Amino acid sequence: MKNIDRQLAGWKAKFNGKNWERDFEVACAVASIACVRIPNGCRSIGRNRLVRVRSPFDYVLGYGARIACVDLKSFVAGKSLSHSQIDPGQLSHLLALSRDGIAGYIVYYKSTGDVVFYDAERLAGIKPRASLGIADGSSLGTVSDLDLHALFLRSNKSKSDP
């Protein structure tokens, strides 16, 4: 019975994630923000054996002369992003990209409807057994009223100031 419950939970999470990605892509199109999904890849090991290789992030966004590399997360319950939910390999890629641009997680909290951006530096600062709440990130609005331009405007002020 536990296996079936785990499978159902996995299917529900995947379904919710796919819906969030679809809504995000629509919001990008409405806001005239270029949005390119980065697909997962694979590599060959031995003869006739392929192993899945995860991409370092989900999307590359472009607006004006700026780009952002973001990974999307969605949570049905809860109002925080814990340290254990951050992939260390993914974070290292996002940190490298954030030195010269915008990189981080865009998190959708389904229980409240909030969409929040956490930049890579902020994610790297989380200690084990700690978490980031909704107020710790940059609000992008709600799913029904998503303001993705705020992602580029917020970062423009912090990156260009000496």
Protein backbone atom coordinates (compact mmCIF):
# COMPACT_ATOMS: atom_id res chain seq x y z
CA MET A 1 0.00 0.00 0.00
CA LYS A 2 2.86 2.40 0.78
CA ASN A 3 4.28 1.94 -2.72
CA ILE A 4 0.97 2.84 -4.32
CA ASP A 5 0.62 5.92 -2.08
CA ARG A 6 4.14 7.03 -3.00
CA GLN A 7 3.45 6.50 -6.70
CA LEU A 8 0.24 8.52 -6.47
CA ALA A 9 2.05 11.32 -4.63
CA GLY A 10 4.76 11.33 -7.31
CA TRP A 11 2.20 11.48 -10.13
CA LYS A 12 0.35 14.34 -8.42
CA ALA A 13 3.60 16.27 -7.91
CA LYS A 14 4.57 15.76 -11.54
CA PHE A 15 1.11 16.86 -12.70
CA ASN A 16 1.22 20.00 -10.52
CA GLY A 17 4.75 20.79 -11.77
CA LYS A 18 3.73 20.42 -15.42
CA ASN A 19 0.71 22.69 -14.89
CA TRP A 20 2.93 25.31 -13.22
CA GLU A 21 5.40 25.14 -16.14
CA ARG A 22 2.55 25.61 -18.63
CA ASP A 23 1.19 28.61 -16.70
CA PHE A 24 4.71 30.06 -16.47
CA GLU A 25 5.28 29.76 -20.23
CA VAL A 26 1.94 31.47 -20.92
CA ALA A 27 2.84 34.30 -18.52
CA CYS A 28 6.18 34.75 -20.33
CA ALA A 29 4.43 34.96 -23.70
CA VAL A 30 1.89 37.50 -22.38
CA ALA A 31 4.70 39.63 -20.90
CA SER A 32 6.75 39.46 -24.15
CA ILE A 33 9.60 37.71 -22.35
CA ALA A 34 11.55 35.20 -24.41
CA CYS A 35 11.35 31.80 -22.74
CA VAL A 36 13.40 28.75 -23.72
CA ARG A 37 12.99 25.42 -21.90
CA ILE A 38 16.25 23.53 -21.34
CA PRO A 39 15.57 19.81 -21.92
CA ASN A 40 17.17 17.00 -19.95
CA GLY A 41 19.80 15.04 -21.80
CA CYS A 42 21.44 11.65 -21.65
CA ARG A 43 24.85 10.09 -21.98
CA SER A 44 25.99 6.70 -23.09
CA ILE A 45 27.57 4.26 -20.67
CA GLY A 46 28.93 1.10 -22.19
CA ARG A 47 27.12 -0.56 -25.03
CA ASN A 48 23.49 0.32 -25.62
CA ARG A 49 22.97 1.89 -22.21
CA LEU A 50 21.78 5.46 -21.73
CA VAL A 51 21.71 7.33 -18.44
CA ARG A 52 19.57 10.42 -17.85
CA VAL A 53 21.48 13.64 -17.23
CA ARG A 54 19.50 16.40 -15.57
CA SER A 55 19.76 19.93 -16.89
CA PRO A 56 21.26 22.50 -14.49
CA PHE A 57 18.09 24.65 -14.65
CA ASP A 58 14.70 24.69 -16.38
CA TYR A 59 14.51 27.92 -18.37
CA VAL A 60 16.50 30.73 -19.94
CA LEU A 61 14.50 33.97 -20.04
CA GLY A 62 15.33 37.05 -22.07
CA TYR A 63 13.99 40.56 -21.72
CA GLY A 64 15.62 43.61 -23.26
CA ALA A 65 19.36 43.06 -23.12
CA ARG A 66 19.21 40.81 -20.03
CA ILE A 67 18.89 37.09 -19.53
CA ALA A 68 17.91 35.02 -16.52
CA CYS A 69 18.54 31.33 -15.84
CA VAL A 70 15.86 29.95 -13.55
CA ASP A 71 14.62 26.68 -12.15
CA LEU A 72 10.92 26.34 -11.34
CA LYS A 73 9.67 24.75 -8.13
CA SER A 74 6.10 24.26 -6.95
CA PHE A 75 4.78 23.25 -3.55
CA VAL A 76 1.19 22.23 -2.91
CA ALA A 77 1.49 22.61 0.87
CA GLY A 78 3.83 24.76 2.91
CA LYS A 79 5.04 28.32 2.78
CA SER A 80 8.82 27.87 2.77
CA LEU A 81 11.73 26.43 0.81
CA SER A 82 13.95 24.29 3.00
CA HIS A 83 17.67 23.63 2.62
CA SER A 84 17.00 19.97 1.79
CA GLN A 85 14.92 20.97 -1.27
CA ILE A 86 17.89 22.67 -2.94
CA ASP A 87 19.97 20.54 -5.29
CA PRO A 88 23.68 21.29 -4.55
CA GLY A 89 24.83 20.54 -8.12
CA GLN A 90 22.14 22.75 -9.57
CA LEU A 91 22.99 25.51 -7.10
CA SER A 92 26.66 25.49 -8.12
CA HIS A 93 25.65 26.06 -11.77
CA LEU A 94 23.25 28.85 -10.80
CA LEU A 95 25.91 30.53 -8.61
CA ALA A 96 28.38 30.54 -11.51
CA LEU A 97 25.75 32.14 -13.77
CA SER A 98 24.67 34.67 -11.15
CA ARG A 99 28.08 36.39 -11.10
CA ASP A 100 27.24 38.13 -14.38
CA GLY A 101 23.49 37.78 -14.60
CA ILE A 102 20.26 36.67 -13.01
CA ALA A 103 19.98 33.12 -11.71
CA GLY A 104 17.89 31.36 -9.08
CA TYR A 105 14.64 29.57 -8.26
CA ILE A 106 11.13 30.75 -9.05
CA VAL A 107 8.88 29.06 -6.51
CA TYR A 108 5.10 28.75 -6.68
CA TYR A 109 3.39 28.15 -3.34
CA LYS A 110 0.03 26.71 -4.33
CA SER A 111 -1.42 26.98 -0.81
CA THR A 112 -1.14 30.80 -0.87
CA GLY A 113 -0.92 31.40 -4.63
CA ASP A 114 2.34 33.36 -4.21
CA VAL A 115 5.18 33.23 -6.72
CA VAL A 116 8.60 34.17 -5.32
CA PHE A 117 12.10 34.49 -6.80
CA TYR A 118 15.11 33.45 -4.69
CA ASP A 119 18.43 34.42 -6.26
CA ALA A 120 21.31 31.96 -6.21
CA GLU A 121 23.29 33.90 -3.58
CA ARG A 122 20.31 33.79 -1.23
CA LEU A 123 19.87 30.06 -1.81
CA ALA A 124 23.55 29.42 -1.10
CA GLY A 125 23.21 31.23 2.23
CA ILE A 126 20.69 28.78 3.69
CA LYS A 127 22.11 26.70 6.52
CA PRO A 128 21.18 23.02 6.98
CA ARG A 129 17.81 22.54 8.72
CA ALA A 130 16.86 26.12 7.86
CA SER A 131 14.40 27.47 5.28
CA LEU A 132 13.42 30.55 3.33
CA GLY A 133 9.91 31.93 3.70
CA ILE A 134 7.85 33.85 1.20
CA ALA A 135 9.04 37.19 2.63
CA ASP A 136 12.71 36.16 2.17
CA GLY A 137 12.45 36.26 -1.63
CA SER A 138 11.37 38.78 -4.24
CA SER A 139 7.64 38.60 -4.86
CA LEU A 140 6.57 38.17 -8.47
CA GLY A 141 2.87 38.30 -7.63
CA THR A 142 0.45 35.41 -7.93
CA VAL A 143 -0.07 32.84 -10.68
CA SER A 144 -3.11 34.72 -11.98
CA ASP A 145 -1.25 38.06 -11.90
CA LEU A 146 2.42 37.18 -12.50
CA ASP A 147 4.83 40.12 -12.95
CA LEU A 148 7.95 38.60 -14.51
CA HIS A 149 9.32 42.03 -15.43
CA ALA A 150 10.01 42.52 -11.70
CA LEU A 151 12.61 39.76 -11.97
CA PHE A 152 14.65 41.82 -14.43
CA LEU A 153 14.04 45.22 -12.82
CA ARG A 154 14.93 44.06 -9.30
CA SER A 155 18.15 42.47 -10.43
CA ASN A 156 19.10 45.42 -12.63
CA LYS A 157 19.26 47.74 -9.62
CA SER A 158 21.33 45.39 -7.47
CA LYS A 159 23.82 44.31 -10.19
CA SER A 160 24.59 47.71 -11.73
CA ASP A 161 25.21 49.65 -8.52
CA PRO A 162 28.90 49.69 -7.45
